[in-house]
Amino acid sequence: MKIKVKIKEKERQSIGIDTPFIKLDAFLKFCGAAESGGHAKSMVNDGMVRLNGEVCLQRGKKVRPGDEVEVLNVIYKIENDGT
């Protein structure tokens, strides 16, 4: 018996920030991936978050425009708001 598996493509979203950087845990709350700071902390500590393709365990890591954060099958591209 053969089973065909269809892999769901990851959703992509662009998120603009108007500062030079944002900390990873604050970004997870800002983009709506985490409900609270505690939820963001546990997501990072559990290895659920990738920054530029690598698992990031530092919730205070600075995320800058041009970076990509992947969490829960969504890739968030950080862009400069330019304001």
PDB file of N, CA and C in Angstrom:
ATOM      1  N   MET A   1       0.830  -1.167   0.000  1.00  0.00           N
ATOM      2  CA  MET A   1       0.000   0.000   0.000  1.00  0.00           C
ATOM      3  C   MET A   1       0.885   1.245   0.000  1.00  0.00           C
ATOM      4  N   LYS A   2       0.632   2.163  -0.915  1.00  0.00           N
ATOM      5  CA  LYS A   2       1.379   3.413  -0.975  1.00  0.00           C
ATOM      6  C   LYS A   2       0.511   4.537  -0.420  1.00  0.00           C
ATOM      7  N   ILE A   3       1.144   5.381   0.332  1.00  0.00           N
ATOM      8  CA  ILE A   3       0.449   6.524   0.901  1.00  0.00           C
ATOM      9  C   ILE A   3       1.085   7.786   0.332  1.00  0.00           C
ATOM     10  N   LYS A   4       0.268   8.615  -0.241  1.00  0.00           N
ATOM     11  CA  LYS A   4       0.765   9.887  -0.758  1.00  0.00           C
ATOM     12  C   LYS A   4       0.602  10.952   0.318  1.00  0.00           C
ATOM     13  N   VAL A   5       1.673  11.686   0.530  1.00  0.00           N
ATOM     14  CA  VAL A   5       1.658  12.733   1.532  1.00  0.00           C
ATOM     15  C   VAL A   5       1.865  14.066   0.838  1.00  0.00           C
ATOM     16  N   LYS A   6       0.994  14.984   1.129  1.00  0.00           N
ATOM     17  CA  LYS A   6       1.129  16.313   0.565  1.00  0.00           C
ATOM     18  C   LYS A   6       1.593  17.246   1.679  1.00  0.00           C
ATOM     19  N   ILE A   7       2.746  17.822   1.477  1.00  0.00           N
ATOM     20  CA  ILE A   7       3.305  18.714   2.483  1.00  0.00           C
ATOM     21  C   ILE A   7       2.764  20.117   2.259  1.00  0.00           C
ATOM     22  N   LYS A   8       2.195  20.658   3.300  1.00  0.00           N
ATOM     23  CA  LYS A   8       1.616  21.995   3.219  1.00  0.00           C
ATOM     24  C   LYS A   8       2.736  23.027   3.131  1.00  0.00           C
ATOM     25  N   GLU A   9       2.602  23.936   2.184  1.00  0.00           N
ATOM     26  CA  GLU A   9       3.596  24.993   2.062  1.00  0.00           C
ATOM     27  C   GLU A   9       3.447  25.965   3.213  1.00  0.00           C
ATOM     28  N   LYS A  10       4.561  26.526   3.623  1.00  0.00           N
ATOM     29  CA  LYS A  10       4.550  27.452   4.736  1.00  0.00           C
ATOM     30  C   LYS A  10       3.996  28.798   4.288  1.00  0.00           C
ATOM     31  N   GLU A  11       3.173  29.348   5.131  1.00  0.00           N
ATOM     32  CA  GLU A  11       2.606  30.667   4.864  1.00  0.00           C
ATOM     33  C   GLU A  11       3.696  31.719   5.069  1.00  0.00           C
ATOM     34  N   ARG A  12       3.666  32.773   4.268  1.00  0.00           N
ATOM     35  CA  ARG A  12       4.636  33.867   4.392  1.00  0.00           C
ATOM     36  C   ARG A  12       3.904  35.166   4.674  1.00  0.00           C
ATOM     37  N   GLN A  13       4.442  35.929   5.614  1.00  0.00           N
ATOM     38  CA  GLN A  13       3.880  37.235   5.938  1.00  0.00           C
ATOM     39  C   GLN A  13       5.009  38.234   6.106  1.00  0.00           C
ATOM     40  N   SER A  14       4.760  39.460   5.702  1.00  0.00           N
ATOM     41  CA  SER A  14       5.720  40.550   5.910  1.00  0.00           C
ATOM     42  C   SER A  14       5.231  41.393   7.071  1.00  0.00           C
ATOM     43  N   ILE A  15       6.144  41.675   7.993  1.00  0.00           N
ATOM     44  CA  ILE A  15       5.828  42.505   9.157  1.00  0.00           C
ATOM     45  C   ILE A  15       6.801  43.676   9.170  1.00  0.00           C
ATOM     46  N   GLY A  16       6.274  44.880   9.211  1.00  0.00           N
ATOM     47  CA  GLY A  16       7.112  46.074   9.232  1.00  0.00           C
ATOM     48  C   GLY A  16       7.344  46.573  10.647  1.00  0.00           C
ATOM     49  N   ILE A  17       8.579  46.968  10.934  1.00  0.00           N
ATOM     50  CA  ILE A  17       8.904  47.583  12.221  1.00  0.00           C
ATOM     51  C   ILE A  17       9.509  48.951  11.931  1.00  0.00           C
ATOM     52  N   ASP A  18       9.310  49.891  12.845  1.00  0.00           N
ATOM     53  CA  ASP A  18       9.823  51.238  12.632  1.00  0.00           C
ATOM     54  C   ASP A  18      10.998  51.566  13.544  1.00  0.00           C
ATOM     55  N   THR A  19      11.621  50.534  14.086  1.00  0.00           N
ATOM     56  CA  THR A  19      12.815  50.684  14.915  1.00  0.00           C
ATOM     57  C   THR A  19      13.944  49.882  14.282  1.00  0.00           C
ATOM     58  N   PRO A  20      15.192  50.137  14.667  1.00  0.00           N
ATOM     59  CA  PRO A  20      16.305  49.382  14.071  1.00  0.00           C
ATOM     60  C   PRO A  20      16.246  47.880  14.365  1.00  0.00           C
ATOM     61  N   PHE A  21      15.646  47.499  15.507  1.00  0.00           N
ATOM     62  CA  PHE A  21      15.524  46.084  15.868  1.00  0.00           C
ATOM     63  C   PHE A  21      14.375  45.914  16.837  1.00  0.00           C
ATOM     64  N   ILE A  22      13.986  44.660  17.057  1.00  0.00           N
ATOM     65  CA  ILE A  22      12.987  44.289  18.066  1.00  0.00           C
ATOM     66  C   ILE A  22      13.444  42.962  18.652  1.00  0.00           C
ATOM     67  N   LYS A  23      13.246  42.794  19.944  1.00  0.00           N
ATOM     68  CA  LYS A  23      13.646  41.534  20.571  1.00  0.00           C
ATOM     69  C   LYS A  23      12.695  40.427  20.137  1.00  0.00           C
ATOM     70  N   LEU A  24      13.224  39.220  20.044  1.00  0.00           N
ATOM     71  CA  LEU A  24      12.478  38.085  19.505  1.00  0.00           C
ATOM     72  C   LEU A  24      11.169  37.840  20.243  1.00  0.00           C
ATOM     73  N   ASP A  25      11.191  37.838  21.569  1.00  0.00           N
ATOM     74  CA  ASP A  25       9.949  37.578  22.305  1.00  0.00           C
ATOM     75  C   ASP A  25       8.916  38.678  22.073  1.00  0.00           C
ATOM     76  N   ALA A  26       9.360  39.917  21.983  1.00  0.00           N
ATOM     77  CA  ALA A  26       8.441  41.022  21.705  1.00  0.00           C
ATOM     78  C   ALA A  26       7.893  40.917  20.284  1.00  0.00           C
ATOM     79  N   PHE A  27       8.725  40.451  19.351  1.00  0.00           N
ATOM     80  CA  PHE A  27       8.263  40.283  17.977  1.00  0.00           C
ATOM     81  C   PHE A  27       7.172  39.215  17.889  1.00  0.00           C
ATOM     82  N   LEU A  28       7.335  38.135  18.629  1.00  0.00           N
ATOM     83  CA  LEU A  28       6.332  37.068  18.599  1.00  0.00           C
ATOM     84  C   LEU A  28       4.976  37.572  19.088  1.00  0.00           C
ATOM     85  N   LYS A  29       4.981  38.458  20.085  1.00  0.00           N
ATOM     86  CA  LYS A  29       3.731  39.069  20.541  1.00  0.00           C
ATOM     87  C   LYS A  29       3.217  40.060  19.503  1.00  0.00           C
ATOM     88  N   PHE A  30       4.124  40.857  18.938  1.00  0.00           N
ATOM     89  CA  PHE A  30       3.757  41.896  17.972  1.00  0.00           C
ATOM     90  C   PHE A  30       3.077  41.320  16.731  1.00  0.00           C
ATOM     91  N   CYS A  31       3.593  40.207  16.231  1.00  0.00           N
ATOM     92  CA  CYS A  31       3.035  39.627  15.004  1.00  0.00           C
ATOM     93  C   CYS A  31       1.832  38.724  15.285  1.00  0.00           C
ATOM     94  N   GLY A  32       1.543  38.455  16.557  1.00  0.00           N
ATOM     95  CA  GLY A  32       0.378  37.662  16.910  1.00  0.00           C
ATOM     96  C   GLY A  32       0.634  36.171  17.026  1.00  0.00           C
ATOM     97  N   ALA A  33       1.887  35.748  16.935  1.00  0.00           N
ATOM     98  CA  ALA A  33       2.204  34.323  17.053  1.00  0.00           C
ATOM     99  C   ALA A  33       2.105  33.843  18.500  1.00  0.00           C
ATOM    100  N   ALA A  34       2.337  34.755  19.441  1.00  0.00           N
ATOM    101  CA  ALA A  34       2.253  34.420  20.861  1.00  0.00           C
ATOM    102  C   ALA A  34       1.172  35.275  21.512  1.00  0.00           C
ATOM    103  N   GLU A  35       0.455  34.693  22.455  1.00  0.00           N
ATOM    104  CA  GLU A  35      -0.625  35.403  23.132  1.00  0.00           C
ATOM    105  C   GLU A  35      -0.124  36.341  24.215  1.00  0.00           C
ATOM    106  N   SER A  36       1.032  35.996  24.811  1.00  0.00           N
ATOM    107  CA  SER A  36       1.565  36.794  25.914  1.00  0.00           C
ATOM    108  C   SER A  36       3.083  36.641  25.947  1.00  0.00           C
ATOM    109  N   GLY A  37       3.706  37.396  26.836  1.00  0.00           N
ATOM    110  CA  GLY A  37       5.151  37.279  26.988  1.00  0.00           C
ATOM    111  C   GLY A  37       5.564  35.911  27.493  1.00  0.00           C
ATOM    112  N   GLY A  38       4.779  35.355  28.393  1.00  0.00           N
ATOM    113  CA  GLY A  38       5.071  34.018  28.905  1.00  0.00           C
ATOM    114  C   GLY A  38       4.942  32.957  27.831  1.00  0.00           C
ATOM    115  N   HIS A  39       3.948  33.115  26.976  1.00  0.00           N
ATOM    116  CA  HIS A  39       3.770  32.180  25.864  1.00  0.00           C
ATOM    117  C   HIS A  39       4.949  32.286  24.905  1.00  0.00           C
ATOM    118  N   ALA A  40       5.385  33.511  24.604  1.00  0.00           N
ATOM    119  CA  ALA A  40       6.538  33.722  23.714  1.00  0.00           C
ATOM    120  C   ALA A  40       7.793  33.081  24.317  1.00  0.00           C
ATOM    121  N   LYS A  41       7.978  33.268  25.623  1.00  0.00           N
ATOM    122  CA  LYS A  41       9.147  32.694  26.305  1.00  0.00           C
ATOM    123  C   LYS A  41       9.158  31.173  26.188  1.00  0.00           C
ATOM    124  N   SER A  42       8.008  30.542  26.414  1.00  0.00           N
ATOM    125  CA  SER A  42       7.968  29.081  26.346  1.00  0.00           C
ATOM    126  C   SER A  42       8.159  28.579  24.912  1.00  0.00           C
ATOM    127  N   MET A  43       7.644  29.320  23.924  1.00  0.00           N
ATOM    128  CA  MET A  43       7.846  28.928  22.527  1.00  0.00           C
ATOM    129  C   MET A  43       9.338  28.920  22.177  1.00  0.00           C
ATOM    130  N   VAL A  44      10.041  29.964  22.608  1.00  0.00           N
ATOM    131  CA  VAL A  44      11.476  30.059  22.318  1.00  0.00           C
ATOM    132  C   VAL A  44      12.232  28.979  23.085  1.00  0.00           C
ATOM    133  N   ASN A  45      11.936  28.814  24.366  1.00  0.00           N
ATOM    134  CA  ASN A  45      12.629  27.811  25.189  1.00  0.00           C
ATOM    135  C   ASN A  45      12.396  26.390  24.708  1.00  0.00           C
ATOM    136  N   ASP A  46      11.231  26.139  24.099  1.00  0.00           N
ATOM    137  CA  ASP A  46      10.910  24.798  23.594  1.00  0.00           C
ATOM    138  C   ASP A  46      11.474  24.538  22.200  1.00  0.00           C
ATOM    139  N   GLY A  47      12.177  25.502  21.626  1.00  0.00           N
ATOM    140  CA  GLY A  47      12.795  25.313  20.310  1.00  0.00           C
ATOM    141  C   GLY A  47      11.820  25.384  19.157  1.00  0.00           C
ATOM    142  N   MET A  48      10.687  26.070  19.349  1.00  0.00           N
ATOM    143  CA  MET A  48       9.670  26.158  18.306  1.00  0.00           C
ATOM    144  C   MET A  48       9.923  27.296  17.316  1.00  0.00           C
ATOM    145  N   VAL A  49      10.936  28.119  17.583  1.00  0.00           N
ATOM    146  CA  VAL A  49      11.166  29.323  16.781  1.00  0.00           C
ATOM    147  C   VAL A  49      12.490  29.208  16.036  1.00  0.00           C
ATOM    148  N   ARG A  50      12.447  29.536  14.743  1.00  0.00           N
ATOM    149  CA  ARG A  50      13.665  29.573  13.938  1.00  0.00           C
ATOM    150  C   ARG A  50      13.912  31.004  13.495  1.00  0.00           C
ATOM    151  N   LEU A  51      15.155  31.430  13.582  1.00  0.00           N
ATOM    152  CA  LEU A  51      15.562  32.740  13.109  1.00  0.00           C
ATOM    153  C   LEU A  51      16.548  32.523  11.970  1.00  0.00           C
ATOM    154  N   ASN A  52      16.173  32.969  10.794  1.00  0.00           N
ATOM    155  CA  ASN A  52      16.988  32.793   9.586  1.00  0.00           C
ATOM    156  C   ASN A  52      17.361  31.326   9.361  1.00  0.00           C
ATOM    157  N   GLY A  53      16.397  30.436   9.604  1.00  0.00           N
ATOM    158  CA  GLY A  53      16.586  29.021   9.311  1.00  0.00           C
ATOM    159  C   GLY A  53      17.187  28.185  10.417  1.00  0.00           C
ATOM    160  N   GLU A  54      17.610  28.811  11.520  1.00  0.00           N
ATOM    161  CA  GLU A  54      18.223  28.070  12.618  1.00  0.00           C
ATOM    162  C   GLU A  54      17.391  28.235  13.884  1.00  0.00           C
ATOM    163  N   VAL A  55      17.288  27.165  14.664  1.00  0.00           N
ATOM    164  CA  VAL A  55      16.545  27.230  15.923  1.00  0.00           C
ATOM    165  C   VAL A  55      17.217  28.257  16.830  1.00  0.00           C
ATOM    166  N   CYS A  56      16.422  29.150  17.384  1.00  0.00           N
ATOM    167  CA  CYS A  56      16.940  30.195  18.264  1.00  0.00           C
ATOM    168  C   CYS A  56      16.358  29.998  19.658  1.00  0.00           C
ATOM    169  N   LEU A  57      17.224  29.890  20.645  1.00  0.00           N
ATOM    170  CA  LEU A  57      16.798  29.686  22.021  1.00  0.00           C
ATOM    171  C   LEU A  57      17.008  30.938  22.877  1.00  0.00           C
ATOM    172  N   GLN A  58      17.307  32.062  22.239  1.00  0.00           N
ATOM    173  CA  GLN A  58      17.545  33.319  22.953  1.00  0.00           C
ATOM    174  C   GLN A  58      16.345  34.237  22.739  1.00  0.00           C
ATOM    175  N   ARG A  59      15.511  34.381  23.763  1.00  0.00           N
ATOM    176  CA  ARG A  59      14.298  35.188  23.575  1.00  0.00           C
ATOM    177  C   ARG A  59      14.610  36.670  23.468  1.00  0.00           C
ATOM    178  N   GLY A  60      15.771  37.106  23.915  1.00  0.00           N
ATOM    179  CA  GLY A  60      16.169  38.507  23.814  1.00  0.00           C
ATOM    180  C   GLY A  60      16.973  38.822  22.564  1.00  0.00           C
ATOM    181  N   LYS A  61      17.078  37.860  21.667  1.00  0.00           N
ATOM    182  CA  LYS A  61      17.843  38.037  20.421  1.00  0.00           C
ATOM    183  C   LYS A  61      17.257  39.204  19.629  1.00  0.00           C
ATOM    184  N   LYS A  62      18.115  40.065  19.117  1.00  0.00           N
ATOM    185  CA  LYS A  62      17.666  41.211  18.327  1.00  0.00           C
ATOM    186  C   LYS A  62      17.331  40.766  16.912  1.00  0.00           C
ATOM    187  N   VAL A  63      16.120  41.079  16.484  1.00  0.00           N
ATOM    188  CA  VAL A  63      15.654  40.751  15.151  1.00  0.00           C
ATOM    189  C   VAL A  63      15.613  42.056  14.368  1.00  0.00           C
ATOM    190  N   ARG A  64      16.251  42.060  13.192  1.00  0.00           N
ATOM    191  CA  ARG A  64      16.369  43.273  12.393  1.00  0.00           C
ATOM    192  C   ARG A  64      15.674  43.117  11.045  1.00  0.00           C
ATOM    193  N   PRO A  65      15.379  44.241  10.377  1.00  0.00           N
ATOM    194  CA  PRO A  65      14.820  44.142   9.022  1.00  0.00           C
ATOM    195  C   PRO A  65      15.710  43.281   8.124  1.00  0.00           C
ATOM    196  N   GLY A  66      15.090  42.412   7.357  1.00  0.00           N
ATOM    197  CA  GLY A  66      15.814  41.464   6.513  1.00  0.00           C
ATOM    198  C   GLY A  66      15.850  40.067   7.100  1.00  0.00           C
ATOM    199  N   ASP A  67      15.609  39.945   8.406  1.00  0.00           N
ATOM    200  CA  ASP A  67      15.586  38.638   9.061  1.00  0.00           C
ATOM    201  C   ASP A  67      14.260  37.939   8.801  1.00  0.00           C
ATOM    202  N   GLU A  68      14.271  36.617   8.945  1.00  0.00           N
ATOM    203  CA  GLU A  68      13.060  35.810   8.831  1.00  0.00           C
ATOM    204  C   GLU A  68      12.883  34.990  10.097  1.00  0.00           C
ATOM    205  N   VAL A  69      11.693  35.068  10.673  1.00  0.00           N
ATOM    206  CA  VAL A  69      11.352  34.308  11.871  1.00  0.00           C
ATOM    207  C   VAL A  69      10.295  33.293  11.473  1.00  0.00           C
ATOM    208  N   GLU A  70      10.557  32.019  11.769  1.00  0.00           N
ATOM    209  CA  GLU A  70       9.607  30.955  11.444  1.00  0.00           C
ATOM    210  C   GLU A  70       9.065  30.354  12.730  1.00  0.00           C
ATOM    211  N   VAL A  71       7.734  30.338  12.821  1.00  0.00           N
ATOM    212  CA  VAL A  71       7.075  29.748  13.985  1.00  0.00           C
ATOM    213  C   VAL A  71       5.695  29.261  13.553  1.00  0.00           C
ATOM    214  N   LEU A  72       5.328  28.068  13.995  1.00  0.00           N
ATOM    215  CA  LEU A  72       4.020  27.473  13.712  1.00  0.00           C
ATOM    216  C   LEU A  72       3.695  27.468  12.217  1.00  0.00           C
ATOM    217  N   ASN A  73       4.655  27.058  11.406  1.00  0.00           N
ATOM    218  CA  ASN A  73       4.499  26.926   9.949  1.00  0.00           C
ATOM    219  C   ASN A  73       4.245  28.245   9.223  1.00  0.00           C
ATOM    220  N   VAL A  74       4.597  29.351   9.854  1.00  0.00           N
ATOM    221  CA  VAL A  74       4.493  30.662   9.222  1.00  0.00           C
ATOM    222  C   VAL A  74       5.864  31.307   9.247  1.00  0.00           C
ATOM    223  N   ILE A  75       6.269  31.868   8.106  1.00  0.00           N
ATOM    224  CA  ILE A  75       7.536  32.578   8.023  1.00  0.00           C
ATOM    225  C   ILE A  75       7.230  34.064   7.970  1.00  0.00           C
ATOM    226  N   TYR A  76       7.740  34.793   8.961  1.00  0.00           N
ATOM    227  CA  TYR A  76       7.548  36.233   9.039  1.00  0.00           C
ATOM    228  C   TYR A  76       8.825  36.938   8.546  1.00  0.00           C
ATOM    229  N   LYS A  77       8.703  37.732   7.518  1.00  0.00           N
ATOM    230  CA  LYS A  77       9.820  38.505   6.976  1.00  0.00           C
ATOM    231  C   LYS A  77       9.758  39.883   7.600  1.00  0.00           C
ATOM    232  N   ILE A  78      10.824  40.274   8.306  1.00  0.00           N
ATOM    233  CA  ILE A  78      10.839  41.573   8.981  1.00  0.00           C
ATOM    234  C   ILE A  78      11.316  42.612   7.973  1.00  0.00           C
ATOM    235  N   GLU A  79      10.523  43.673   7.845  1.00  0.00           N
ATOM    236  CA  GLU A  79      10.836  44.739   6.905  1.00  0.00           C
ATOM    237  C   GLU A  79      10.875  46.065   7.649  1.00  0.00           C
ATOM    238  N   ASN A  80      11.577  47.023   7.054  1.00  0.00           N
ATOM    239  CA  ASN A  80      11.675  48.355   7.616  1.00  0.00           C
ATOM    240  C   ASN A  80      10.444  49.144   7.211  1.00  0.00           C
ATOM    241  N   ASP A  81       9.745  49.692   8.196  1.00  0.00           N
ATOM    242  CA  ASP A  81       8.558  50.500   7.917  1.00  0.00           C
ATOM    243  C   ASP A  81       8.918  51.836   7.276  1.00  0.00           C
ATOM    244  N   GLY A  82      10.123  52.310   7.565  1.00  0.00           N
ATOM    245  CA  GLY A  82      10.618  53.529   6.924  1.00  0.00           C
ATOM    246  C   GLY A  82       9.971  54.813   7.407  1.00  0.00           C
ATOM    247  N   THR A  83       9.413  54.805   8.599  1.00  0.00           N
ATOM    248  CA  THR A  83       8.798  56.026   9.093  1.00  0.00           C
ATOM    249  C   THR A  83       9.768  56.859   9.877  1.00  0.00           C
TER     250      THR A  83
END
